[in-house]
Amino acid sequence: IIIDAGHGGKDVGARGDYSYEKDICLAVATRLGEEIARTAPEIKLLFTRTDDAYPELHARAKMANQAKGDLFISIHVN
């Protein structure tokens, strides 16, 4: 499973009064990965980002294709 925390780095996504979409996406992606690892440890997980970086969209797709993932989850929360 490839988990893509949308946006990141220079791409903040939607702006709230006190938060950015990129930060919420990363938090949700991290939490989802933790839950999958806890309940299904046999599943291999790959994250497109684990910090406030911005992998270009083509790089995210390339990463997923190279890993031969069966499921790509892209998280956005606007």
N, C-alpha and C. Protein backbone atom coordinates (compact mmCIF):
# COMPACT_ATOMS: atom_id res chain seq x y z
N ILE A 1 0.85 -1.17 0.00
CA ILE A 1 0.00 0.00 0.00
C ILE A 1 0.89 1.23 0.00
N ILE A 2 0.62 2.13 -0.92
CA ILE A 2 1.33 3.41 -0.96
C ILE A 2 0.39 4.45 -0.37
N ILE A 3 0.88 5.18 0.61
CA ILE A 3 0.09 6.24 1.25
C ILE A 3 0.71 7.57 0.88
N ASP A 4 -0.08 8.39 0.22
CA ASP A 4 0.37 9.70 -0.25
C ASP A 4 -0.28 10.81 0.56
N ALA A 5 0.52 11.47 1.37
CA ALA A 5 0.04 12.64 2.11
C ALA A 5 0.09 13.82 1.15
N GLY A 6 -1.07 14.26 0.70
CA GLY A 6 -1.15 15.31 -0.31
C GLY A 6 -0.42 16.59 0.09
N HIS A 7 -0.02 17.32 -0.93
CA HIS A 7 0.65 18.61 -0.80
C HIS A 7 2.01 18.46 -0.12
N GLY A 8 2.46 19.42 0.64
CA GLY A 8 3.75 19.37 1.31
C GLY A 8 4.69 20.46 0.82
N GLY A 9 5.63 20.84 1.66
CA GLY A 9 6.62 21.85 1.31
C GLY A 9 5.99 23.15 0.84
N LYS A 10 6.36 23.57 -0.36
CA LYS A 10 5.88 24.84 -0.91
C LYS A 10 4.39 24.81 -1.25
N ASP A 11 3.83 23.62 -1.41
CA ASP A 11 2.42 23.46 -1.76
C ASP A 11 1.63 23.20 -0.48
N VAL A 12 1.04 24.27 0.08
CA VAL A 12 0.36 24.14 1.38
C VAL A 12 -1.05 23.60 1.27
N GLY A 13 -1.62 23.60 0.06
CA GLY A 13 -3.00 23.16 -0.10
C GLY A 13 -3.95 24.21 0.44
N ALA A 14 -5.09 23.76 0.94
CA ALA A 14 -6.09 24.69 1.50
C ALA A 14 -5.54 25.32 2.77
N ARG A 15 -5.88 26.58 2.97
CA ARG A 15 -5.44 27.31 4.17
C ARG A 15 -6.62 27.51 5.10
N GLY A 16 -6.45 27.09 6.34
CA GLY A 16 -7.47 27.33 7.35
C GLY A 16 -7.08 28.51 8.21
N ASP A 17 -7.86 28.79 9.22
CA ASP A 17 -7.56 29.90 10.12
C ASP A 17 -6.25 29.67 10.89
N TYR A 18 -5.95 28.42 11.18
CA TYR A 18 -4.75 28.12 11.96
C TYR A 18 -4.05 26.84 11.50
N SER A 19 -4.35 26.38 10.30
CA SER A 19 -3.71 25.16 9.81
C SER A 19 -3.61 25.17 8.29
N TYR A 20 -2.78 24.29 7.80
CA TYR A 20 -2.62 24.08 6.36
C TYR A 20 -2.98 22.65 6.04
N GLU A 21 -3.55 22.46 4.85
CA GLU A 21 -3.93 21.13 4.41
C GLU A 21 -2.74 20.18 4.43
N LYS A 22 -1.56 20.66 4.03
CA LYS A 22 -0.39 19.79 3.97
C LYS A 22 -0.08 19.15 5.31
N ASP A 23 -0.26 19.89 6.39
CA ASP A 23 0.05 19.37 7.73
C ASP A 23 -0.99 18.35 8.18
N ILE A 24 -2.26 18.62 7.88
CA ILE A 24 -3.32 17.69 8.25
C ILE A 24 -3.18 16.40 7.44
N CYS A 25 -2.89 16.53 6.15
CA CYS A 25 -2.70 15.35 5.30
C CYS A 25 -1.58 14.46 5.83
N LEU A 26 -0.48 15.07 6.22
CA LEU A 26 0.64 14.30 6.74
C LEU A 26 0.27 13.60 8.05
N ALA A 27 -0.45 14.30 8.92
CA ALA A 27 -0.87 13.70 10.19
C ALA A 27 -1.82 12.53 9.96
N VAL A 28 -2.78 12.69 9.04
CA VAL A 28 -3.72 11.62 8.73
C VAL A 28 -2.99 10.44 8.09
N ALA A 29 -2.08 10.70 7.17
CA ALA A 29 -1.32 9.64 6.51
C ALA A 29 -0.49 8.85 7.52
N THR A 30 0.14 9.56 8.42
CA THR A 30 0.96 8.92 9.45
C THR A 30 0.10 8.04 10.35
N ARG A 31 -1.02 8.58 10.78
CA ARG A 31 -1.94 7.83 11.65
C ARG A 31 -2.50 6.60 10.92
N LEU A 32 -2.88 6.76 9.66
CA LEU A 32 -3.37 5.64 8.88
C LEU A 32 -2.31 4.54 8.78
N GLY A 33 -1.08 4.94 8.48
CA GLY A 33 0.00 3.97 8.39
C GLY A 33 0.23 3.24 9.70
N GLU A 34 0.17 3.96 10.80
CA GLU A 34 0.34 3.33 12.11
C GLU A 34 -0.76 2.31 12.37
N GLU A 35 -1.98 2.66 12.01
CA GLU A 35 -3.11 1.76 12.23
C GLU A 35 -3.02 0.51 11.35
N ILE A 36 -2.64 0.69 10.10
CA ILE A 36 -2.47 -0.46 9.21
C ILE A 36 -1.35 -1.36 9.73
N ALA A 37 -0.24 -0.76 10.14
CA ALA A 37 0.90 -1.54 10.65
C ALA A 37 0.51 -2.31 11.92
N ARG A 38 -0.32 -1.70 12.74
CA ARG A 38 -0.75 -2.35 13.98
C ARG A 38 -1.70 -3.51 13.72
N THR A 39 -2.64 -3.31 12.81
CA THR A 39 -3.67 -4.32 12.60
C THR A 39 -3.33 -5.34 11.51
N ALA A 40 -2.43 -4.98 10.61
CA ALA A 40 -2.05 -5.89 9.53
C ALA A 40 -0.55 -5.77 9.27
N PRO A 41 0.27 -6.24 10.21
CA PRO A 41 1.72 -6.06 10.09
C PRO A 41 2.35 -6.73 8.87
N GLU A 42 1.63 -7.63 8.23
CA GLU A 42 2.17 -8.31 7.04
C GLU A 42 2.10 -7.43 5.79
N ILE A 43 1.38 -6.33 5.87
CA ILE A 43 1.24 -5.44 4.72
C ILE A 43 2.44 -4.49 4.65
N LYS A 44 3.04 -4.42 3.48
CA LYS A 44 4.16 -3.51 3.26
C LYS A 44 3.61 -2.12 2.96
N LEU A 45 4.10 -1.13 3.67
CA LEU A 45 3.67 0.25 3.49
C LEU A 45 4.79 1.09 2.90
N LEU A 46 4.41 2.01 2.05
CA LEU A 46 5.35 2.98 1.50
C LEU A 46 4.67 4.34 1.55
N PHE A 47 5.36 5.33 2.08
CA PHE A 47 4.84 6.68 2.17
C PHE A 47 5.53 7.54 1.12
N THR A 48 4.76 8.38 0.42
CA THR A 48 5.38 9.27 -0.56
C THR A 48 6.12 10.41 0.13
N ARG A 49 5.72 10.73 1.35
CA ARG A 49 6.47 11.69 2.15
C ARG A 49 6.21 11.44 3.63
N THR A 50 7.24 11.70 4.44
CA THR A 50 7.13 11.52 5.89
C THR A 50 7.47 12.80 6.63
N ASP A 51 7.70 13.86 5.86
CA ASP A 51 8.00 15.16 6.47
C ASP A 51 7.43 16.25 5.56
N ASP A 52 7.83 17.48 5.78
CA ASP A 52 7.26 18.61 5.04
C ASP A 52 7.97 18.83 3.70
N ALA A 53 8.24 17.74 3.01
CA ALA A 53 8.84 17.81 1.67
C ALA A 53 7.72 17.87 0.63
N TYR A 54 8.07 18.24 -0.60
CA TYR A 54 7.11 18.21 -1.69
C TYR A 54 7.65 17.37 -2.82
N PRO A 55 7.35 16.07 -2.82
CA PRO A 55 7.71 15.27 -3.98
C PRO A 55 6.81 15.68 -5.15
N GLU A 56 7.39 15.94 -6.29
CA GLU A 56 6.60 16.29 -7.47
C GLU A 56 5.62 15.16 -7.77
N LEU A 57 4.52 15.50 -8.42
CA LEU A 57 3.48 14.51 -8.68
C LEU A 57 4.00 13.32 -9.48
N HIS A 58 4.83 13.60 -10.50
CA HIS A 58 5.37 12.49 -11.30
C HIS A 58 6.28 11.60 -10.46
N ALA A 59 6.97 12.18 -9.48
CA ALA A 59 7.84 11.40 -8.61
C ALA A 59 7.03 10.49 -7.70
N ARG A 60 5.88 10.97 -7.25
CA ARG A 60 5.00 10.14 -6.41
C ARG A 60 4.50 8.93 -7.21
N ALA A 61 4.08 9.18 -8.45
CA ALA A 61 3.59 8.10 -9.30
C ALA A 61 4.71 7.11 -9.62
N LYS A 62 5.90 7.63 -9.91
CA LYS A 62 7.04 6.76 -10.21
C LYS A 62 7.38 5.88 -9.01
N MET A 63 7.36 6.47 -7.83
CA MET A 63 7.64 5.74 -6.60
C MET A 63 6.63 4.59 -6.43
N ALA A 64 5.36 4.89 -6.65
CA ALA A 64 4.31 3.88 -6.50
C ALA A 64 4.47 2.77 -7.54
N ASN A 65 4.75 3.15 -8.78
CA ASN A 65 4.90 2.16 -9.85
C ASN A 65 6.12 1.28 -9.62
N GLN A 66 7.23 1.86 -9.18
CA GLN A 66 8.43 1.08 -8.92
C GLN A 66 8.22 0.09 -7.77
N ALA A 67 7.42 0.50 -6.80
CA ALA A 67 7.14 -0.38 -5.66
C ALA A 67 6.12 -1.46 -6.01
N LYS A 68 5.49 -1.32 -7.19
CA LYS A 68 4.47 -2.26 -7.63
C LYS A 68 3.35 -2.39 -6.59
N GLY A 69 2.94 -1.25 -6.09
CA GLY A 69 1.89 -1.23 -5.07
C GLY A 69 0.55 -1.70 -5.63
N ASP A 70 -0.23 -2.31 -4.77
CA ASP A 70 -1.56 -2.77 -5.14
C ASP A 70 -2.63 -1.71 -4.86
N LEU A 71 -2.31 -0.77 -3.99
CA LEU A 71 -3.27 0.26 -3.61
C LEU A 71 -2.52 1.57 -3.38
N PHE A 72 -3.04 2.65 -3.96
CA PHE A 72 -2.46 3.97 -3.79
C PHE A 72 -3.52 4.83 -3.11
N ILE A 73 -3.24 5.30 -1.91
CA ILE A 73 -4.19 6.13 -1.16
C ILE A 73 -3.61 7.54 -1.12
N SER A 74 -4.32 8.48 -1.75
CA SER A 74 -3.89 9.88 -1.75
C SER A 74 -4.82 10.65 -0.83
N ILE A 75 -4.25 11.28 0.18
CA ILE A 75 -5.05 11.95 1.21
C ILE A 75 -5.06 13.46 0.97
N HIS A 76 -6.28 13.98 0.86
CA HIS A 76 -6.52 15.43 0.75
C HIS A 76 -7.69 15.75 1.66
N VAL A 77 -7.67 16.93 2.23
CA VAL A 77 -8.70 17.26 3.23
C VAL A 77 -9.29 18.66 3.06
N ASN A 78 -9.33 19.20 1.81
CA ASN A 78 -9.85 20.53 1.69
C ASN A 78 -11.28 20.49 2.05
